[in-house]
Amino acid sequence: MPRPSVQSARLNEIVEAAAKCVAQYGLEGVTLERIADETGLKRPLIRHHAGNREEIINAVVTHVLSGFGELTTMFANALPAKRGSYTAVDHLFDDHGRSDPAEMMVFQSIVAAADRFPAEAEALLKWVGDFTAVVVEAIKRDFPEVESEAAEAVAHGIVALYFNVDSLAPLKPPLAWRRYAKNAALLLLRFLEDNAGTQRAP
């Protein structure tokens, strides 16, 4: 039996190689052959350390979502008690808010193959809900008089703008597009601010 440290190192190597395959070919494109080419490991050794193809795909999704979860916690902790919703918009749409291109490709691959990978899709959906909840709570702190439905609507609008502009990054769109998306998100917050005390969701 290999030492736990060796097993862990091999597993990480395989998962990272599989993540590259997902980024290039989608979830359906993950094969032991491609992982073997990427790692230089024989297929029996890959199966020994990481299991079959389905188990490897699950490990990739778990790895990526774990990273997303850590970033979400850091994001939530970075928001101040006052005007946290505006800080959230700054964080999401400024340069440091850009997602890792490979991780975004994994994200998009899971969405595209949701019907064939329901467990992975469910895990991703839960993370999106948790991420959105951080923005919702920041809005509620800034605008406590606004109804929950309105806070949810604005938060979902901001998150949708963020995911849209981030998903287009591989196309290398004009830099102005990110600025437009940020301005649209700020307009949503300013609408709440201008209508504080009277705003009701339709």
N, C-alpha and C. Protein backbone atom coordinates (compact mmCIF):
# COMPACT_ATOMS: atom_id res chain seq x y z
N MET A 1 0.84 -1.20 0.00
CA MET A 1 0.00 0.00 0.00
C MET A 1 0.88 1.25 0.00
N PRO A 2 0.55 2.25 -0.84
CA PRO A 2 1.35 3.47 -0.84
C PRO A 2 1.10 4.27 0.42
N ARG A 3 2.07 5.07 0.79
CA ARG A 3 1.88 5.93 1.95
C ARG A 3 0.76 6.92 1.65
N PRO A 4 0.01 7.37 2.68
CA PRO A 4 -1.09 8.32 2.46
C PRO A 4 -0.64 9.57 1.72
N SER A 5 0.58 10.06 1.99
CA SER A 5 1.05 11.27 1.32
C SER A 5 1.21 11.04 -0.17
N VAL A 6 1.69 9.86 -0.54
CA VAL A 6 1.84 9.53 -1.96
C VAL A 6 0.47 9.39 -2.61
N GLN A 7 -0.44 8.70 -1.93
CA GLN A 7 -1.80 8.54 -2.45
C GLN A 7 -2.45 9.89 -2.67
N SER A 8 -2.32 10.78 -1.70
CA SER A 8 -2.92 12.11 -1.81
C SER A 8 -2.31 12.91 -2.95
N ALA A 9 -0.99 12.82 -3.09
CA ALA A 9 -0.31 13.56 -4.16
C ALA A 9 -0.74 13.04 -5.53
N ARG A 10 -0.84 11.73 -5.66
CA ARG A 10 -1.27 11.13 -6.93
C ARG A 10 -2.71 11.55 -7.26
N LEU A 11 -3.57 11.50 -6.24
CA LEU A 11 -4.97 11.86 -6.46
C LEU A 11 -5.08 13.32 -6.90
N ASN A 12 -4.35 14.20 -6.24
CA ASN A 12 -4.38 15.62 -6.62
C ASN A 12 -3.89 15.82 -8.05
N GLU A 13 -2.84 15.09 -8.40
CA GLU A 13 -2.30 15.17 -9.76
C GLU A 13 -3.33 14.74 -10.79
N ILE A 14 -4.03 13.66 -10.49
CA ILE A 14 -5.04 13.13 -11.40
C ILE A 14 -6.23 14.09 -11.51
N VAL A 15 -6.67 14.61 -10.37
CA VAL A 15 -7.81 15.54 -10.37
C VAL A 15 -7.47 16.81 -11.15
N GLU A 16 -6.28 17.33 -10.96
CA GLU A 16 -5.88 18.53 -11.70
C GLU A 16 -5.80 18.26 -13.20
N ALA A 17 -5.31 17.09 -13.56
CA ALA A 17 -5.26 16.72 -14.98
C ALA A 17 -6.66 16.57 -15.55
N ALA A 18 -7.55 15.97 -14.78
CA ALA A 18 -8.94 15.80 -15.22
C ALA A 18 -9.62 17.16 -15.37
N ALA A 19 -9.30 18.09 -14.47
CA ALA A 19 -9.88 19.44 -14.55
C ALA A 19 -9.46 20.12 -15.85
N LYS A 20 -8.22 19.90 -16.26
CA LYS A 20 -7.75 20.45 -17.54
C LYS A 20 -8.53 19.85 -18.70
N CYS A 21 -8.82 18.56 -18.59
CA CYS A 21 -9.61 17.89 -19.63
C CYS A 21 -11.01 18.50 -19.71
N VAL A 22 -11.61 18.75 -18.54
CA VAL A 22 -12.94 19.36 -18.51
C VAL A 22 -12.90 20.73 -19.17
N ALA A 23 -11.88 21.51 -18.83
CA ALA A 23 -11.77 22.86 -19.39
C ALA A 23 -11.64 22.83 -20.91
N GLN A 24 -10.98 21.79 -21.44
CA GLN A 24 -10.77 21.70 -22.89
C GLN A 24 -11.90 20.99 -23.62
N TYR A 25 -12.44 19.92 -22.99
CA TYR A 25 -13.36 19.05 -23.72
C TYR A 25 -14.74 18.92 -23.07
N GLY A 26 -14.95 19.54 -21.90
CA GLY A 26 -16.21 19.35 -21.20
C GLY A 26 -16.20 18.08 -20.37
N LEU A 27 -17.24 17.88 -19.58
CA LEU A 27 -17.30 16.70 -18.72
C LEU A 27 -17.28 15.41 -19.54
N GLU A 28 -17.97 15.44 -20.68
CA GLU A 28 -18.03 14.23 -21.51
C GLU A 28 -16.66 13.87 -22.08
N GLY A 29 -15.76 14.86 -22.13
CA GLY A 29 -14.44 14.63 -22.71
C GLY A 29 -13.41 14.10 -21.74
N VAL A 30 -13.81 13.86 -20.50
CA VAL A 30 -12.88 13.30 -19.51
C VAL A 30 -12.74 11.80 -19.77
N THR A 31 -11.55 11.37 -20.14
CA THR A 31 -11.28 9.95 -20.36
C THR A 31 -9.99 9.58 -19.66
N LEU A 32 -9.87 8.31 -19.34
CA LEU A 32 -8.63 7.84 -18.71
C LEU A 32 -7.44 8.03 -19.66
N GLU A 33 -7.70 7.91 -20.96
CA GLU A 33 -6.62 8.09 -21.93
C GLU A 33 -6.06 9.51 -21.87
N ARG A 34 -6.96 10.48 -21.83
CA ARG A 34 -6.51 11.88 -21.78
C ARG A 34 -5.80 12.20 -20.47
N ILE A 35 -6.32 11.65 -19.39
CA ILE A 35 -5.67 11.86 -18.09
C ILE A 35 -4.29 11.21 -18.09
N ALA A 36 -4.19 10.04 -18.70
CA ALA A 36 -2.90 9.36 -18.79
C ALA A 36 -1.90 10.19 -19.60
N ASP A 37 -2.38 10.77 -20.70
CA ASP A 37 -1.50 11.62 -21.51
C ASP A 37 -1.03 12.83 -20.72
N GLU A 38 -1.92 13.38 -19.91
CA GLU A 38 -1.60 14.60 -19.16
C GLU A 38 -0.65 14.32 -18.00
N THR A 39 -0.84 13.18 -17.34
CA THR A 39 -0.05 12.88 -16.14
C THR A 39 1.15 11.99 -16.40
N GLY A 40 1.11 11.23 -17.50
CA GLY A 40 2.17 10.25 -17.74
C GLY A 40 1.98 8.98 -16.95
N LEU A 41 0.83 8.84 -16.28
CA LEU A 41 0.53 7.63 -15.50
C LEU A 41 -0.21 6.62 -16.37
N LYS A 42 -0.01 5.35 -16.08
CA LYS A 42 -0.75 4.30 -16.78
C LYS A 42 -2.19 4.26 -16.26
N ARG A 43 -3.10 3.83 -17.14
CA ARG A 43 -4.51 3.81 -16.75
C ARG A 43 -4.80 2.96 -15.52
N PRO A 44 -4.19 1.77 -15.37
CA PRO A 44 -4.44 1.00 -14.13
C PRO A 44 -4.03 1.77 -12.88
N LEU A 45 -2.96 2.54 -12.96
CA LEU A 45 -2.51 3.32 -11.81
C LEU A 45 -3.48 4.46 -11.52
N ILE A 46 -4.03 5.04 -12.58
CA ILE A 46 -5.03 6.10 -12.41
C ILE A 46 -6.26 5.55 -11.70
N ARG A 47 -6.72 4.37 -12.16
CA ARG A 47 -7.89 3.75 -11.52
C ARG A 47 -7.59 3.39 -10.07
N HIS A 48 -6.37 2.95 -9.80
CA HIS A 48 -5.99 2.56 -8.44
C HIS A 48 -6.07 3.75 -7.49
N HIS A 49 -5.58 4.90 -7.95
CA HIS A 49 -5.52 6.07 -7.07
C HIS A 49 -6.81 6.89 -7.04
N ALA A 50 -7.55 6.90 -8.17
CA ALA A 50 -8.69 7.83 -8.26
C ALA A 50 -10.01 7.16 -8.61
N GLY A 51 -10.00 5.89 -8.93
CA GLY A 51 -11.25 5.21 -9.25
C GLY A 51 -11.58 5.28 -10.73
N ASN A 52 -12.85 5.02 -11.05
CA ASN A 52 -13.25 5.01 -12.46
C ASN A 52 -13.56 6.43 -12.95
N ARG A 53 -13.97 6.51 -14.18
CA ARG A 53 -14.20 7.82 -14.81
C ARG A 53 -15.22 8.65 -14.04
N GLU A 54 -16.32 8.03 -13.64
CA GLU A 54 -17.37 8.76 -12.93
C GLU A 54 -16.86 9.28 -11.59
N GLU A 55 -16.06 8.47 -10.91
CA GLU A 55 -15.51 8.91 -9.62
C GLU A 55 -14.52 10.06 -9.81
N ILE A 56 -13.78 10.03 -10.90
CA ILE A 56 -12.83 11.11 -11.17
C ILE A 56 -13.58 12.41 -11.48
N ILE A 57 -14.64 12.32 -12.28
CA ILE A 57 -15.43 13.51 -12.59
C ILE A 57 -16.01 14.10 -11.31
N ASN A 58 -16.54 13.24 -10.44
CA ASN A 58 -17.08 13.72 -9.17
C ASN A 58 -16.01 14.39 -8.34
N ALA A 59 -14.79 13.83 -8.37
CA ALA A 59 -13.69 14.42 -7.60
C ALA A 59 -13.31 15.79 -8.15
N VAL A 60 -13.36 15.95 -9.47
CA VAL A 60 -13.06 17.25 -10.08
C VAL A 60 -14.09 18.29 -9.64
N VAL A 61 -15.36 17.92 -9.72
CA VAL A 61 -16.42 18.85 -9.33
C VAL A 61 -16.30 19.21 -7.85
N THR A 62 -16.04 18.20 -7.02
CA THR A 62 -15.87 18.45 -5.58
C THR A 62 -14.70 19.39 -5.33
N HIS A 63 -13.61 19.17 -6.06
CA HIS A 63 -12.42 20.02 -5.92
C HIS A 63 -12.72 21.47 -6.30
N VAL A 64 -13.38 21.65 -7.44
CA VAL A 64 -13.69 23.00 -7.91
C VAL A 64 -14.68 23.69 -6.98
N LEU A 65 -15.72 22.97 -6.56
CA LEU A 65 -16.72 23.57 -5.68
C LEU A 65 -16.14 23.89 -4.31
N SER A 66 -15.18 23.09 -3.87
CA SER A 66 -14.51 23.39 -2.60
C SER A 66 -13.79 24.73 -2.71
N GLY A 67 -13.13 24.94 -3.84
CA GLY A 67 -12.47 26.22 -4.07
C GLY A 67 -13.46 27.36 -4.14
N PHE A 68 -14.59 27.14 -4.83
CA PHE A 68 -15.63 28.16 -4.90
C PHE A 68 -16.16 28.48 -3.50
N GLY A 69 -16.34 27.43 -2.69
CA GLY A 69 -16.86 27.63 -1.34
C GLY A 69 -15.92 28.47 -0.49
N GLU A 70 -14.62 28.20 -0.61
CA GLU A 70 -13.63 28.97 0.14
C GLU A 70 -13.64 30.43 -0.30
N LEU A 71 -13.75 30.66 -1.60
CA LEU A 71 -13.79 32.03 -2.11
C LEU A 71 -15.06 32.75 -1.65
N THR A 72 -16.17 32.01 -1.59
CA THR A 72 -17.43 32.61 -1.13
C THR A 72 -17.33 33.03 0.32
N THR A 73 -16.70 32.20 1.15
CA THR A 73 -16.50 32.55 2.56
C THR A 73 -15.63 33.79 2.68
N MET A 74 -14.55 33.84 1.92
CA MET A 74 -13.67 35.01 1.93
C MET A 74 -14.42 36.26 1.45
N PHE A 75 -15.24 36.09 0.43
CA PHE A 75 -16.04 37.18 -0.11
C PHE A 75 -16.99 37.72 0.96
N ALA A 76 -17.69 36.82 1.64
CA ALA A 76 -18.63 37.24 2.69
C ALA A 76 -17.91 37.96 3.82
N ASN A 77 -16.76 37.44 4.22
CA ASN A 77 -16.02 38.03 5.34
C ASN A 77 -15.42 39.39 4.99
N ALA A 78 -15.25 39.64 3.70
CA ALA A 78 -14.64 40.91 3.26
C ALA A 78 -15.65 42.05 3.18
N LEU A 79 -16.94 41.74 3.28
CA LEU A 79 -17.96 42.77 3.14
C LEU A 79 -18.19 43.49 4.46
N PRO A 80 -18.08 44.82 4.48
CA PRO A 80 -18.28 45.57 5.72
C PRO A 80 -19.75 45.59 6.13
N ALA A 81 -20.00 45.97 7.37
CA ALA A 81 -21.37 46.01 7.88
C ALA A 81 -22.20 47.08 7.17
N LYS A 82 -21.55 48.17 6.76
CA LYS A 82 -22.25 49.26 6.08
C LYS A 82 -21.78 49.33 4.63
N ARG A 83 -22.76 49.52 3.73
CA ARG A 83 -22.50 49.60 2.29
C ARG A 83 -21.77 48.36 1.77
N GLY A 84 -22.06 47.25 2.39
CA GLY A 84 -21.47 45.99 1.95
C GLY A 84 -21.93 45.58 0.57
N SER A 85 -23.16 45.98 0.20
CA SER A 85 -23.66 45.62 -1.13
C SER A 85 -22.85 46.33 -2.22
N TYR A 86 -22.45 47.57 -1.95
CA TYR A 86 -21.62 48.29 -2.92
C TYR A 86 -20.21 47.70 -2.99
N THR A 87 -19.70 47.29 -1.83
CA THR A 87 -18.39 46.63 -1.81
C THR A 87 -18.46 45.32 -2.59
N ALA A 88 -19.58 44.61 -2.47
CA ALA A 88 -19.75 43.35 -3.20
C ALA A 88 -19.67 43.59 -4.71
N VAL A 89 -20.33 44.65 -5.17
CA VAL A 89 -20.29 44.96 -6.61
C VAL A 89 -18.87 45.32 -7.04
N ASP A 90 -18.18 46.11 -6.23
CA ASP A 90 -16.78 46.43 -6.55
C ASP A 90 -15.95 45.16 -6.68
N HIS A 91 -16.14 44.26 -5.73
CA HIS A 91 -15.36 43.02 -5.72
C HIS A 91 -15.66 42.16 -6.94
N LEU A 92 -16.94 42.04 -7.28
CA LEU A 92 -17.33 41.14 -8.36
C LEU A 92 -16.93 41.64 -9.74
N PHE A 93 -16.97 42.95 -9.94
CA PHE A 93 -16.79 43.47 -11.29
C PHE A 93 -15.44 44.14 -11.54
N ASP A 94 -14.64 44.34 -10.50
CA ASP A 94 -13.30 44.84 -10.72
C ASP A 94 -12.39 43.68 -11.10
N ASP A 95 -11.16 43.97 -11.48
CA ASP A 95 -10.26 42.95 -12.02
C ASP A 95 -10.06 41.77 -11.09
N HIS A 96 -9.97 42.03 -9.76
CA HIS A 96 -9.69 40.94 -8.84
C HIS A 96 -10.88 40.02 -8.65
N GLY A 97 -12.03 40.39 -9.23
CA GLY A 97 -13.20 39.53 -9.13
C GLY A 97 -13.32 38.52 -10.25
N ARG A 98 -12.39 38.54 -11.19
CA ARG A 98 -12.45 37.61 -12.32
C ARG A 98 -12.21 36.18 -11.86
N SER A 99 -12.98 35.26 -12.41
CA SER A 99 -12.81 33.85 -12.07
C SER A 99 -11.65 33.26 -12.85
N ASP A 100 -11.09 32.18 -12.31
CA ASP A 100 -10.07 31.43 -13.04
C ASP A 100 -10.71 30.85 -14.30
N PRO A 101 -10.13 31.08 -15.48
CA PRO A 101 -10.75 30.61 -16.73
C PRO A 101 -11.03 29.11 -16.74
N ALA A 102 -10.09 28.31 -16.22
CA ALA A 102 -10.29 26.86 -16.21
C ALA A 102 -11.46 26.49 -15.31
N GLU A 103 -11.56 27.14 -14.14
CA GLU A 103 -12.67 26.84 -13.23
C GLU A 103 -14.00 27.27 -13.84
N MET A 104 -14.00 28.40 -14.56
CA MET A 104 -15.23 28.83 -15.22
C MET A 104 -15.64 27.85 -16.30
N MET A 105 -14.68 27.25 -16.99
CA MET A 105 -15.01 26.25 -17.99
C MET A 105 -15.61 25.01 -17.35
N VAL A 106 -15.10 24.62 -16.17
CA VAL A 106 -15.69 23.50 -15.44
C VAL A 106 -17.13 23.85 -15.06
N PHE A 107 -17.33 25.07 -14.56
CA PHE A 107 -18.66 25.55 -14.20
C PHE A 107 -19.61 25.42 -15.40
N GLN A 108 -19.20 25.95 -16.53
CA GLN A 108 -20.04 25.92 -17.72
C GLN A 108 -20.28 24.49 -18.21
N SER A 109 -19.28 23.64 -18.07
CA SER A 109 -19.42 22.25 -18.50
C SER A 109 -20.45 21.51 -17.66
N ILE A 110 -20.47 21.79 -16.35
CA ILE A 110 -21.46 21.15 -15.48
C ILE A 110 -22.86 21.62 -15.87
N VAL A 111 -23.01 22.92 -16.11
CA VAL A 111 -24.31 23.45 -16.51
C VAL A 111 -24.77 22.81 -17.82
N ALA A 112 -23.86 22.71 -18.79
CA ALA A 112 -24.21 22.17 -20.10
C ALA A 112 -24.59 20.69 -20.03
N ALA A 113 -24.01 19.97 -19.08
CA ALA A 113 -24.25 18.52 -18.99
C ALA A 113 -25.10 18.16 -17.77
N ALA A 114 -25.90 19.11 -17.30
CA ALA A 114 -26.66 18.91 -16.06
C ALA A 114 -27.57 17.68 -16.11
N ASP A 115 -28.16 17.41 -17.28
CA ASP A 115 -29.07 16.27 -17.37
C ASP A 115 -28.35 14.94 -17.24
N ARG A 116 -27.06 14.91 -17.59
CA ARG A 116 -26.30 13.66 -17.53
C ARG A 116 -25.49 13.52 -16.24
N PHE A 117 -25.34 14.62 -15.52
CA PHE A 117 -24.59 14.61 -14.26
C PHE A 117 -25.41 15.32 -13.19
N PRO A 118 -26.56 14.73 -12.80
CA PRO A 118 -27.48 15.42 -11.89
C PRO A 118 -26.90 15.71 -10.52
N ALA A 119 -26.09 14.81 -9.98
CA ALA A 119 -25.53 15.04 -8.65
C ALA A 119 -24.57 16.23 -8.67
N GLU A 120 -23.74 16.29 -9.70
CA GLU A 120 -22.80 17.40 -9.83
C GLU A 120 -23.55 18.71 -10.06
N ALA A 121 -24.62 18.66 -10.87
CA ALA A 121 -25.41 19.85 -11.14
C ALA A 121 -26.08 20.35 -9.87
N GLU A 122 -26.58 19.43 -9.06
CA GLU A 122 -27.23 19.81 -7.80
C GLU A 122 -26.23 20.49 -6.86
N ALA A 123 -25.01 19.96 -6.81
CA ALA A 123 -23.98 20.56 -5.95
C ALA A 123 -23.62 21.96 -6.43
N LEU A 124 -23.54 22.14 -7.74
CA LEU A 124 -23.23 23.46 -8.29
C LEU A 124 -24.37 24.44 -8.00
N LEU A 125 -25.60 23.98 -8.15
CA LEU A 125 -26.75 24.85 -7.89
C LEU A 125 -26.78 25.30 -6.43
N LYS A 126 -26.43 24.40 -5.53
CA LYS A 126 -26.38 24.77 -4.11
C LYS A 126 -25.35 25.87 -3.89
N TRP A 127 -24.17 25.73 -4.54
CA TRP A 127 -23.15 26.76 -4.37
C TRP A 127 -23.65 28.11 -4.91
N VAL A 128 -24.30 28.10 -6.08
CA VAL A 128 -24.82 29.35 -6.63
C VAL A 128 -25.80 29.99 -5.65
N GLY A 129 -26.64 29.17 -5.02
CA GLY A 129 -27.57 29.69 -4.02
C GLY A 129 -26.85 30.29 -2.83
N ASP A 130 -25.81 29.61 -2.36
CA ASP A 130 -25.03 30.12 -1.22
C ASP A 130 -24.33 31.43 -1.58
N PHE A 131 -23.79 31.49 -2.79
CA PHE A 131 -23.09 32.69 -3.25
C PHE A 131 -24.07 33.86 -3.34
N THR A 132 -25.23 33.62 -3.93
CA THR A 132 -26.24 34.66 -4.06
C THR A 132 -26.71 35.14 -2.70
N ALA A 133 -26.81 34.22 -1.74
CA ALA A 133 -27.27 34.57 -0.40
C ALA A 133 -26.35 35.59 0.27
N VAL A 134 -25.06 35.54 -0.05
CA VAL A 134 -24.12 36.52 0.52
C VAL A 134 -24.50 37.93 0.06
N VAL A 135 -24.84 38.07 -1.21
CA VAL A 135 -25.24 39.37 -1.75
C VAL A 135 -26.59 39.80 -1.17
N VAL A 136 -27.50 38.85 -1.05
CA VAL A 136 -28.81 39.15 -0.46
C VAL A 136 -28.65 39.71 0.94
N GLU A 137 -27.85 39.07 1.76
CA GLU A 137 -27.66 39.51 3.14
C GLU A 137 -27.01 40.88 3.21
N ALA A 138 -26.07 41.16 2.31
CA ALA A 138 -25.44 42.48 2.28
C ALA A 138 -26.47 43.55 1.94
N ILE A 139 -27.35 43.26 1.00
CA ILE A 139 -28.41 44.20 0.63
C ILE A 139 -29.36 44.43 1.79
N LYS A 140 -29.74 43.37 2.48
CA LYS A 140 -30.66 43.50 3.61
C LYS A 140 -30.05 44.32 4.74
N ARG A 141 -28.74 44.20 4.94
CA ARG A 141 -28.08 45.02 5.96
C ARG A 141 -28.10 46.50 5.56
N ASP A 142 -27.87 46.76 4.29
CA ASP A 142 -27.83 48.14 3.82
C ASP A 142 -29.21 48.77 3.71
N PHE A 143 -30.20 47.94 3.39
CA PHE A 143 -31.57 48.44 3.18
C PHE A 143 -32.55 47.60 4.00
N PRO A 144 -32.52 47.73 5.32
CA PRO A 144 -33.35 46.86 6.18
C PRO A 144 -34.84 47.05 5.98
N GLU A 145 -35.25 48.20 5.43
CA GLU A 145 -36.67 48.47 5.25
C GLU A 145 -37.22 47.86 3.96
N VAL A 146 -36.35 47.37 3.10
CA VAL A 146 -36.78 46.79 1.82
C VAL A 146 -37.29 45.37 2.03
N GLU A 147 -38.37 45.06 1.35
CA GLU A 147 -38.93 43.71 1.48
C GLU A 147 -37.94 42.66 0.96
N SER A 148 -38.04 41.47 1.53
CA SER A 148 -37.13 40.38 1.17
C SER A 148 -37.19 40.07 -0.33
N GLU A 149 -38.39 40.12 -0.90
CA GLU A 149 -38.54 39.82 -2.33
C GLU A 149 -37.74 40.79 -3.19
N ALA A 150 -37.76 42.09 -2.82
CA ALA A 150 -37.01 43.09 -3.58
C ALA A 150 -35.51 42.88 -3.42
N ALA A 151 -35.07 42.56 -2.20
CA ALA A 151 -33.64 42.29 -1.97
C ALA A 151 -33.18 41.09 -2.78
N GLU A 152 -33.99 40.04 -2.81
CA GLU A 152 -33.66 38.85 -3.59
C GLU A 152 -33.58 39.19 -5.08
N ALA A 153 -34.54 39.97 -5.56
CA ALA A 153 -34.58 40.31 -6.98
C ALA A 153 -33.33 41.08 -7.40
N VAL A 154 -32.93 42.07 -6.59
CA VAL A 154 -31.75 42.86 -6.91
C VAL A 154 -30.49 41.99 -6.83
N ALA A 155 -30.39 41.17 -5.80
CA ALA A 155 -29.22 40.29 -5.65
C ALA A 155 -29.10 39.34 -6.83
N HIS A 156 -30.23 38.75 -7.24
CA HIS A 156 -30.18 37.84 -8.38
C HIS A 156 -29.80 38.57 -9.66
N GLY A 157 -30.24 39.82 -9.80
CA GLY A 157 -29.84 40.60 -10.96
C GLY A 157 -28.35 40.86 -10.98
N ILE A 158 -27.78 41.20 -9.83
CA ILE A 158 -26.34 41.45 -9.73
C ILE A 158 -25.54 40.19 -10.04
N VAL A 159 -25.95 39.08 -9.45
CA VAL A 159 -25.24 37.82 -9.66
C VAL A 159 -25.35 37.36 -11.12
N ALA A 160 -26.53 37.55 -11.71
CA ALA A 160 -26.70 37.18 -13.12
C ALA A 160 -25.79 38.00 -14.02
N LEU A 161 -25.66 39.29 -13.73
CA LEU A 161 -24.75 40.15 -14.50
C LEU A 161 -23.31 39.66 -14.36
N TYR A 162 -22.94 39.30 -13.13
CA TYR A 162 -21.58 38.82 -12.88
C TYR A 162 -21.29 37.53 -13.63
N PHE A 163 -22.19 36.56 -13.52
CA PHE A 163 -21.97 35.28 -14.20
C PHE A 163 -21.94 35.47 -15.72
N ASN A 164 -22.78 36.37 -16.22
CA ASN A 164 -22.82 36.59 -17.66
C ASN A 164 -21.49 37.14 -18.17
N VAL A 165 -20.99 38.19 -17.53
CA VAL A 165 -19.75 38.80 -18.01
C VAL A 165 -18.56 37.87 -17.79
N ASP A 166 -18.60 37.10 -16.70
CA ASP A 166 -17.50 36.17 -16.42
C ASP A 166 -17.49 35.02 -17.42
N SER A 167 -18.68 34.55 -17.79
CA SER A 167 -18.75 33.41 -18.71
C SER A 167 -18.28 33.78 -20.11
N LEU A 168 -18.32 35.08 -20.43
CA LEU A 168 -17.89 35.53 -21.75
C LEU A 168 -16.39 35.78 -21.83
N ALA A 169 -15.70 35.70 -20.71
CA ALA A 169 -14.27 36.02 -20.66
C ALA A 169 -13.44 35.28 -21.71
N PRO A 170 -13.70 33.96 -21.96
CA PRO A 170 -12.89 33.27 -22.98
C PRO A 170 -12.99 33.89 -24.37
N LEU A 171 -14.06 34.66 -24.63
CA LEU A 171 -14.22 35.31 -25.93
C LEU A 171 -13.42 36.61 -26.03
N LYS A 172 -12.85 37.04 -24.88
CA LYS A 172 -12.09 38.30 -24.83
C LYS A 172 -12.93 39.48 -25.32
N PRO A 173 -14.07 39.73 -24.68
CA PRO A 173 -14.92 40.86 -25.08
C PRO A 173 -14.26 42.19 -24.74
N PRO A 174 -14.77 43.29 -25.28
CA PRO A 174 -14.21 44.60 -24.93
C PRO A 174 -14.24 44.83 -23.42
N LEU A 175 -13.21 45.49 -22.90
CA LEU A 175 -13.15 45.75 -21.46
C LEU A 175 -14.35 46.56 -20.99
N ALA A 176 -14.90 47.36 -21.88
CA ALA A 176 -16.05 48.19 -21.51
C ALA A 176 -17.24 47.34 -21.08
N TRP A 177 -17.34 46.12 -21.59
CA TRP A 177 -18.49 45.30 -21.23
C TRP A 177 -18.54 45.04 -19.73
N ARG A 178 -17.39 44.82 -19.12
CA ARG A 178 -17.36 44.58 -17.68
C ARG A 178 -17.78 45.85 -16.93
N ARG A 179 -17.35 46.99 -17.45
CA ARG A 179 -17.74 48.26 -16.82
C ARG A 179 -19.25 48.47 -16.95
N TYR A 180 -19.81 48.15 -18.10
CA TYR A 180 -21.25 48.30 -18.29
C TYR A 180 -22.02 47.39 -17.32
N ALA A 181 -21.52 46.18 -17.16
CA ALA A 181 -22.18 45.24 -16.24
C ALA A 181 -22.13 45.77 -14.81
N LYS A 182 -20.98 46.32 -14.43
CA LYS A 182 -20.86 46.90 -13.08
C LYS A 182 -21.82 48.07 -12.92
N ASN A 183 -21.89 48.93 -13.92
CA ASN A 183 -22.79 50.07 -13.84
C ASN A 183 -24.25 49.63 -13.73
N ALA A 184 -24.60 48.56 -14.44
CA ALA A 184 -25.96 48.03 -14.35
C ALA A 184 -26.25 47.52 -12.94
N ALA A 185 -25.26 46.85 -12.33
CA ALA A 185 -25.42 46.36 -10.96
C ALA A 185 -25.58 47.53 -9.99
N LEU A 186 -24.80 48.58 -10.19
CA LEU A 186 -24.90 49.76 -9.33
C LEU A 186 -26.25 50.45 -9.49
N LEU A 187 -26.79 50.47 -10.70
CA LEU A 187 -28.11 51.05 -10.92
C LEU A 187 -29.18 50.32 -10.11
N LEU A 188 -29.06 49.00 -10.02
CA LEU A 188 -30.00 48.22 -9.21
C LEU A 188 -29.94 48.64 -7.75
N LEU A 189 -28.72 48.80 -7.22
CA LEU A 189 -28.57 49.21 -5.82
C LEU A 189 -29.06 50.64 -5.61
N ARG A 190 -28.76 51.52 -6.55
CA ARG A 190 -29.19 52.91 -6.39
C ARG A 190 -30.70 53.05 -6.48
N PHE A 191 -31.31 52.15 -7.24
CA PHE A 191 -32.78 52.15 -7.28
C PHE A 191 -33.34 51.85 -5.89
N LEU A 192 -32.74 50.86 -5.22
CA LEU A 192 -33.18 50.56 -3.85
C LEU A 192 -32.92 51.74 -2.94
N GLU A 193 -31.75 52.35 -3.08
CA GLU A 193 -31.38 53.47 -2.22
C GLU A 193 -32.32 54.66 -2.43
N ASP A 194 -32.66 54.95 -3.68
CA ASP A 194 -33.53 56.08 -3.98
C ASP A 194 -34.97 55.83 -3.55
N ASN A 195 -35.33 54.56 -3.43
CA ASN A 195 -36.71 54.22 -3.08
C ASN A 195 -36.81 53.54 -1.72
N ALA A 196 -35.79 53.73 -0.88
CA ALA A 196 -35.79 53.12 0.45
C ALA A 196 -37.04 53.54 1.20
N GLY A 197 -37.69 52.56 1.80
CA GLY A 197 -38.89 52.84 2.57
C GLY A 197 -40.17 52.70 1.77
N THR A 198 -40.05 52.76 0.43
CA THR A 198 -41.24 52.64 -0.41
C THR A 198 -41.17 51.48 -1.39
N GLN A 199 -39.95 50.91 -1.54
CA GLN A 199 -39.77 49.87 -2.55
C GLN A 199 -40.49 48.58 -2.17
N ARG A 200 -41.24 48.08 -3.13
CA ARG A 200 -41.89 46.78 -2.99
C ARG A 200 -41.66 46.01 -4.28
N ALA A 201 -41.35 44.75 -4.15
CA ALA A 201 -41.19 43.92 -5.35
C ALA A 201 -42.54 43.76 -6.02
N PRO A 202 -42.59 43.71 -7.34
CA PRO A 202 -43.88 43.54 -8.03
C PRO A 202 -44.50 42.20 -7.72
